C-alpha atoms as a PDB file:
ATOM      1  CA  MET A   1    -167.615 127.227  80.963  1.00  0.00           C
ATOM      2  CA  LEU A   2    -170.030 124.348  80.467  1.00  0.00           C
ATOM      3  CA  LYS A   3    -169.772 123.571  84.159  1.00  0.00           C
ATOM      4  CA  LYS A   4    -170.669 127.199  85.049  1.00  0.00           C
ATOM      5  CA  ALA A   5    -173.664 127.170  82.676  1.00  0.00           C
ATOM      6  CA  LEU A   6    -174.859 123.868  84.175  1.00  0.00           C
ATOM      7  CA  ILE A   7    -174.561 125.249  87.739  1.00  0.00           C
ATOM      8  CA  ILE A   8    -176.430 128.437  86.765  1.00  0.00           C
ATOM      9  CA  LEU A   9    -179.127 126.350  85.060  1.00  0.00           C
ATOM     10  CA  LEU A  10    -179.497 124.092  88.129  1.00  0.00           C
ATOM     11  CA  ILE A  11    -179.676 127.074  90.498  1.00  0.00           C
ATOM     12  CA  SER A  12    -182.261 128.748  88.233  1.00  0.00           C
ATOM     13  CA  LEU A  13    -184.380 125.585  88.107  1.00  0.00           C
ATOM     14  CA  PHE A  14    -184.076 125.241  91.881  1.00  0.00           C
ATOM     15  CA  LEU A  15    -185.243 128.850  92.448  1.00  0.00           C
ATOM     16  CA  VAL A  16    -188.114 128.495  89.969  1.00  0.00           C
ATOM     17  CA  ASN A  17    -189.154 125.252  91.681  1.00  0.00           C
ATOM     18  CA  ILE A  18    -189.106 126.902  95.131  1.00  0.00           C
ATOM     19  CA  SER A  19    -191.140 129.919  94.004  1.00  0.00           C
ATOM     20  CA  SER A  20    -193.727 127.794  92.180  1.00  0.00           C
ATOM     21  CA  SER A  21    -194.115 125.408  95.109  1.00  0.00           C
ATOM     22  CA  TRP A  22    -194.464 128.364  97.494  1.00  0.00           C
ATOM     23  CA  GLY A  23    -197.212 129.758  95.296  1.00  0.00           C
ATOM     24  CA  SER A  24    -199.001 126.449  95.120  1.00  0.00           C
ATOM     25  CA  THR A  25    -199.268 126.210  98.916  1.00  0.00           C
ATOM     26  CA  GLU A  26    -200.714 129.720  99.068  1.00  0.00           C
ATOM     27  CA  PHE A  27    -203.645 129.270  96.675  1.00  0.00           C
ATOM     28  CA  TYR A  28    -205.203 126.276  95.024  1.00  0.00           C
ATOM     29  CA  GLU A  29    -208.413 125.531  93.255  1.00  0.00           C
ATOM     30  CA  ILE A  30    -210.966 123.221  94.826  1.00  0.00           C
ATOM     31  CA  LYS A  31    -214.219 121.689  93.677  1.00  0.00           C
ATOM     32  CA  ALA A  32    -216.941 122.187  96.256  1.00  0.00           C
ATOM     33  CA  TYR A  33    -220.697 121.935  96.316  1.00  0.00           C
ATOM     34  CA  ILE A  34    -222.440 125.078  97.483  1.00  0.00           C
ATOM     35  CA  ASN A  35    -225.872 124.326  98.800  1.00  0.00           C
ATOM     36  CA  ASP A  36    -228.349 125.900 101.173  1.00  0.00           C
ATOM     37  CA  ILE A  37    -226.971 124.138 104.235  1.00  0.00           C
ATOM     38  CA  LYS A  38    -228.998 124.874 107.345  1.00  0.00           C
ATOM     39  CA  ILE A  39    -227.004 125.148 110.584  1.00  0.00           C
ATOM     40  CA  LEU A  40    -229.040 124.163 113.659  1.00  0.00           C
ATOM     41  CA  LEU A  41    -228.403 124.692 117.349  1.00  0.00           C
ATOM     42  CA  GLY A  42    -230.577 122.005 118.899  1.00  0.00           C
ATOM     43  CA  GLU A  43    -233.820 122.416 116.986  1.00  0.00           C
ATOM     44  CA  ASP A  44    -233.335 126.130 116.242  1.00  0.00           C
ATOM     45  CA  GLN A  45    -231.999 127.141 112.843  1.00  0.00           C
ATOM     46  CA  ILE A  46    -229.200 129.648 113.392  1.00  0.00           C
ATOM     47  CA  LEU A  47    -227.668 129.990 109.915  1.00  0.00           C
ATOM     48  CA  SER A  48    -229.025 129.404 106.424  1.00  0.00           C
ATOM     49  CA  GLY A  49    -228.922 131.014 103.026  1.00  0.00           C
ATOM     50  CA  ASN A  50    -225.202 131.564 103.430  1.00  0.00           C
ATOM     51  CA  GLU A  51    -222.555 130.297 101.071  1.00  0.00           C
ATOM     52  CA  SER A  52    -221.713 127.203 103.092  1.00  0.00           C
ATOM     53  CA  PHE A  53    -220.127 124.369 101.197  1.00  0.00           C
ATOM     54  CA  ILE A  54    -218.903 120.832 101.671  1.00  0.00           C
ATOM     55  CA  TYR A  55    -215.330 119.930 100.788  1.00  0.00           C
ATOM     56  CA  LYS A  56    -213.683 116.609 101.662  1.00  0.00           C
ATOM     57  CA  ASN A  57    -216.608 115.732 103.961  1.00  0.00           C
ATOM     58  CA  LYS A  58    -216.171 118.936 105.969  1.00  0.00           C
ATOM     59  CA  ILE A  59    -218.688 121.772 106.123  1.00  0.00           C
ATOM     60  CA  PHE A  60    -217.240 125.243 105.589  1.00  0.00           C
ATOM     61  CA  VAL A  61    -219.225 128.252 106.824  1.00  0.00           C
ATOM     62  CA  SER A  62    -218.621 131.959 106.469  1.00  0.00           C
ATOM     63  CA  LEU A  63    -216.516 133.070 109.420  1.00  0.00           C
ATOM     64  CA  ARG A  64    -218.197 136.488 109.250  1.00  0.00           C
ATOM     65  CA  ASP A  65    -221.699 134.966 109.527  1.00  0.00           C
ATOM     66  CA  LEU A  66    -220.648 132.701 112.382  1.00  0.00           C
ATOM     67  CA  SER A  67    -218.779 135.390 114.322  1.00  0.00           C
ATOM     68  CA  GLU A  68    -221.669 137.856 114.005  1.00  0.00           C
ATOM     69  CA  LEU A  69    -224.054 135.156 115.190  1.00  0.00           C
ATOM     70  CA  LEU A  70    -221.831 134.617 118.237  1.00  0.00           C
ATOM     71  CA  GLN A  71    -221.726 138.406 118.693  1.00  0.00           C
ATOM     72  CA  TYR A  72    -218.071 138.918 117.834  1.00  0.00           C
ATOM     73  CA  ASN A  73    -216.616 141.697 115.724  1.00  0.00           C
ATOM     74  CA  ILE A  74    -214.465 140.504 112.860  1.00  0.00           C
ATOM     75  CA  GLU A  75    -211.652 142.373 111.120  1.00  0.00           C
ATOM     76  CA  TRP A  76    -209.150 141.433 108.439  1.00  0.00           C
ATOM     77  CA  ASP A  77    -205.529 142.478 109.056  1.00  0.00           C
ATOM     78  CA  GLU A  78    -204.077 142.564 105.534  1.00  0.00           C
ATOM     79  CA  THR A  79    -200.524 143.248 106.705  1.00  0.00           C
ATOM     80  CA  ASN A  80    -200.280 140.148 108.887  1.00  0.00           C
ATOM     81  CA  ARG A  81    -202.891 138.176 106.917  1.00  0.00           C
ATOM     82  CA  GLU A  82    -204.862 137.514 110.087  1.00  0.00           C
ATOM     83  CA  VAL A  83    -208.515 137.429 111.010  1.00  0.00           C
ATOM     84  CA  VAL A  84    -209.034 139.250 114.308  1.00  0.00           C
ATOM     85  CA  LEU A  85    -212.120 138.436 116.392  1.00  0.00           C
ATOM     86  CA  SER A  86    -213.105 140.586 119.359  1.00  0.00           C
ATOM     87  CA  GLU A  87    -216.076 140.562 121.687  1.00  0.00           C
ATOM     88  CA  ALA A  88    -218.953 142.763 120.597  1.00  0.00           C
ATOM     89  CA  TYR A  89    -220.586 142.349 123.968  1.00  0.00           C
ATOM     90  CA  THR A  90    -221.861 145.566 125.505  1.00  0.00           C
ATOM     91  CA  LYS A  91    -221.904 145.851 129.285  1.00  0.00           C
ATOM     92  CA  VAL A  92    -224.998 147.157 131.025  1.00  0.00           C
ATOM     93  CA  GLU A  93    -224.390 150.602 132.441  1.00  0.00           C
ATOM     94  CA  PRO A  94    -225.720 150.825 136.009  1.00  0.00           C
ATOM     95  CA  CYS A  95    -229.115 152.394 136.584  1.00  0.00           C
ATOM     96  CA  ASN A  96    -228.815 156.134 137.199  1.00  0.00           C
ATOM     97  CA  PRO A  97    -231.768 157.474 139.233  1.00  0.00           C
ATOM     98  CA  PHE A  98    -230.361 161.021 138.953  1.00  0.00           C
ATOM     99  CA  ASN A  99    -231.169 160.843 135.223  1.00  0.00           C
ATOM    100  CA  GLY A 100    -234.719 159.639 135.880  1.00  0.00           C
ATOM    101  CA  GLU A 101    -233.909 155.962 135.383  1.00  0.00           C
ATOM    102  CA  ALA A 102    -235.429 153.180 137.461  1.00  0.00           C
ATOM    103  CA  PHE A 103    -234.625 149.534 138.046  1.00  0.00           C
ATOM    104  CA  ILE A 104    -237.660 147.283 137.808  1.00  0.00           C
ATOM    105  CA  TYR A 105    -237.715 143.657 138.830  1.00  0.00           C
ATOM    106  CA  GLY A 106    -240.369 141.218 137.666  1.00  0.00           C
ATOM    107  CA  GLN A 107    -241.474 138.359 135.453  1.00  0.00           C
ATOM    108  CA  ILE A 108    -242.352 138.596 131.757  1.00  0.00           C
ATOM    109  CA  LEU A 109    -246.064 137.879 131.200  1.00  0.00           C
ATOM    110  CA  LYS A 110    -246.371 138.744 127.498  1.00  0.00           C
ATOM    111  CA  ILE A 111    -244.063 139.778 124.645  1.00  0.00           C
ATOM    112  CA  ASP A 112    -245.268 141.786 121.648  1.00  0.00           C
ATOM    113  CA  ARG A 113    -242.449 141.183 119.172  1.00  0.00           C
ATOM    114  CA  GLU A 114    -243.969 143.316 116.411  1.00  0.00           C
ATOM    115  CA  SER A 115    -244.109 146.431 118.609  1.00  0.00           C
ATOM    116  CA  ASN A 116    -241.114 145.566 120.852  1.00  0.00           C
ATOM    117  CA  LEU A 117    -243.259 145.668 124.002  1.00  0.00           C
ATOM    118  CA  LEU A 118    -242.830 143.777 127.267  1.00  0.00           C
ATOM    119  CA  HIS A 119    -245.679 143.159 129.708  1.00  0.00           C
ATOM    120  CA  ILE A 120    -244.389 142.255 133.159  1.00  0.00           C
ATOM    121  CA  GLU A 121    -245.676 141.322 136.565  1.00  0.00           C
ATOM    122  CA  GLN A 122    -243.675 143.710 138.665  1.00  0.00           C
ATOM    123  CA  HIS A 123    -242.116 142.562 141.945  1.00  0.00           C
ATOM    124  CA  LEU A 124    -242.331 145.675 144.071  1.00  0.00           C
ATOM    125  CA  ASP A 125    -240.166 146.794 146.968  1.00  0.00           C
ATOM    126  CA  HIS A 126    -240.073 150.132 148.813  1.00  0.00           C
ATOM    127  CA  ASN A 127    -237.669 151.663 146.232  1.00  0.00           C
ATOM    128  CA  SER A 128    -239.532 150.608 143.064  1.00  0.00           C
ATOM    129  CA  ARG A 129    -241.263 152.952 140.664  1.00  0.00           C
ATOM    130  CA  GLU A 130    -244.576 151.275 139.851  1.00  0.00           C
ATOM    131  CA  ILE A 131    -245.223 150.458 136.203  1.00  0.00           C
ATOM    132  CA  PHE A 132    -248.781 150.067 134.923  1.00  0.00           C
ATOM    133  CA  GLU A 133    -248.378 149.747 131.158  1.00  0.00           C
ATOM    134  CA  ALA A 134    -246.455 147.654 128.645  1.00  0.00           C
ATOM    135  CA  LEU A 135    -242.812 148.676 128.378  1.00  0.00           C
ATOM    136  CA  PRO A 136    -241.409 149.625 124.963  1.00  0.00           C
ATOM    137  CA  VAL A 137    -237.918 148.215 124.404  1.00  0.00           C
ATOM    138  CA  LEU A 138    -235.483 150.593 122.675  1.00  0.00           C
ATOM    139  CA  GLU A 139    -233.854 149.317 119.464  1.00  0.00           C
ATOM    140  CA  ASP A 140    -230.370 149.613 120.983  1.00  0.00           C
ATOM    141  CA  ALA A 141    -231.335 148.103 124.357  1.00  0.00           C
ATOM    142  CA  VAL A 142    -228.699 145.847 125.885  1.00  0.00           C
ATOM    143  CA  ILE A 143    -230.107 142.417 126.746  1.00  0.00           C
ATOM    144  CA  ILE A 144    -228.037 139.900 128.694  1.00  0.00           C
ATOM    145  CA  MET A 145    -228.478 136.551 130.395  1.00  0.00           C
ATOM    146  CA  GLN A 146    -226.780 136.325 133.753  1.00  0.00           C
ATOM    147  CA  ARG A 147    -225.891 133.440 136.029  1.00  0.00           C
ATOM    148  CA  ASN A 148    -223.573 133.984 138.982  1.00  0.00           C
ATOM    149  CA  ASN A 149    -220.736 136.117 137.566  1.00  0.00           C
ATOM    150  CA  GLN A 150    -221.189 134.978 133.955  1.00  0.00           C
ATOM    151  CA  GLU A 151    -222.984 137.150 131.386  1.00  0.00           C
ATOM    152  CA  MET A 152    -223.916 136.579 127.765  1.00  0.00           C
ATOM    153  CA  ALA A 153    -225.477 139.037 125.330  1.00  0.00           C
ATOM    154  CA  VAL A 154    -228.753 137.905 123.754  1.00  0.00           C
ATOM    155  CA  TYR A 155    -231.388 139.375 121.463  1.00  0.00           C
ATOM    156  CA  PHE A 156    -234.964 140.563 122.026  1.00  0.00           C
ATOM    157  CA  ASP A 157    -236.154 137.386 120.268  1.00  0.00           C
ATOM    158  CA  ASP A 158    -234.414 135.332 122.984  1.00  0.00           C
ATOM    159  CA  LEU A 159    -236.731 136.683 125.695  1.00  0.00           C
ATOM    160  CA  ARG A 160    -239.396 134.217 126.845  1.00  0.00           C
ATOM    161  CA  VAL A 161    -242.643 134.499 128.787  1.00  0.00           C
ATOM    162  CA  GLY A 162    -241.850 133.470 132.359  1.00  0.00           C
ATOM    163  CA  ASP A 163    -238.300 134.898 132.363  1.00  0.00           C
ATOM    164  CA  VAL A 164    -237.441 136.637 135.630  1.00  0.00           C
ATOM    165  CA  VAL A 165    -235.830 139.925 134.639  1.00  0.00           C
ATOM    166  CA  GLY A 166    -234.298 143.104 135.940  1.00  0.00           C
ATOM    167  CA  ILE A 167    -235.141 146.011 133.655  1.00  0.00           C
ATOM    168  CA  ILE A 168    -233.650 149.492 133.492  1.00  0.00           C
ATOM    169  CA  VAL A 169    -236.080 152.080 132.151  1.00  0.00           C
ATOM    170  CA  ASN A 170    -235.429 155.719 131.339  1.00  0.00           C
ATOM    171  CA  GLU A 171    -237.668 158.538 132.549  1.00  0.00           C
ATOM    172  CA  GLN A 172    -240.105 157.869 129.660  1.00  0.00           C
ATOM    173  CA  ASN A 173    -240.404 154.216 130.856  1.00  0.00           C
ATOM    174  CA  LYS A 174    -238.583 152.940 127.763  1.00  0.00           C
ATOM    175  CA  VAL A 175    -236.406 149.885 128.351  1.00  0.00           C
ATOM    176  CA  ARG A 176    -232.688 150.465 127.765  1.00  0.00           C
ATOM    177  CA  ALA A 177    -231.482 147.220 129.398  1.00  0.00           C
ATOM    178  CA  VAL A 178    -232.850 143.799 130.314  1.00  0.00           C
ATOM    179  CA  ILE A 179    -231.017 141.376 132.576  1.00  0.00           C
ATOM    180  CA  ILE A 180    -232.404 137.839 132.445  1.00  0.00           C
ATOM    181  CA  ASP A 181    -231.709 135.997 135.671  1.00  0.00           C
ATOM    182  CA  ILE A 182    -231.190 132.278 135.055  1.00  0.00           C
END
């Protein structure tokens, strides 16, 4: 009887030890220093004001902030306890002249960031629709950088004077897409 009680006690202690050690690998408390850590890409600040922290000489950044900066969608899969990243990149739909759209090729001369306007020196060919005024850029315009067969989505703020661009405008001459040729 004593032997049975001892075996039951040992098995119980073993099971309690396994469950508590499993729990300790799942969650643990850390001491970290949260500070306004600025994340730079070259000389450009790309992240700040986030809840970055330093722990064991490593910098931890919000995966959501970083993935959105890199233009990825982020989702949490509770069932599998996984973070799922997917490209948020939007492809440029081809220009459709039957809907009044036109493809304009040129070089950016001036950018009015407050009014979202582009001033370009148009490179004309026999198929071009001539543009005489500044071009308003739609809020949801797709802007990409392109080299060979590689494309990368960028923002309006990434446009620079001197960029050689292909622009798709709608029939009201509003920009719905900009392709920066690098």
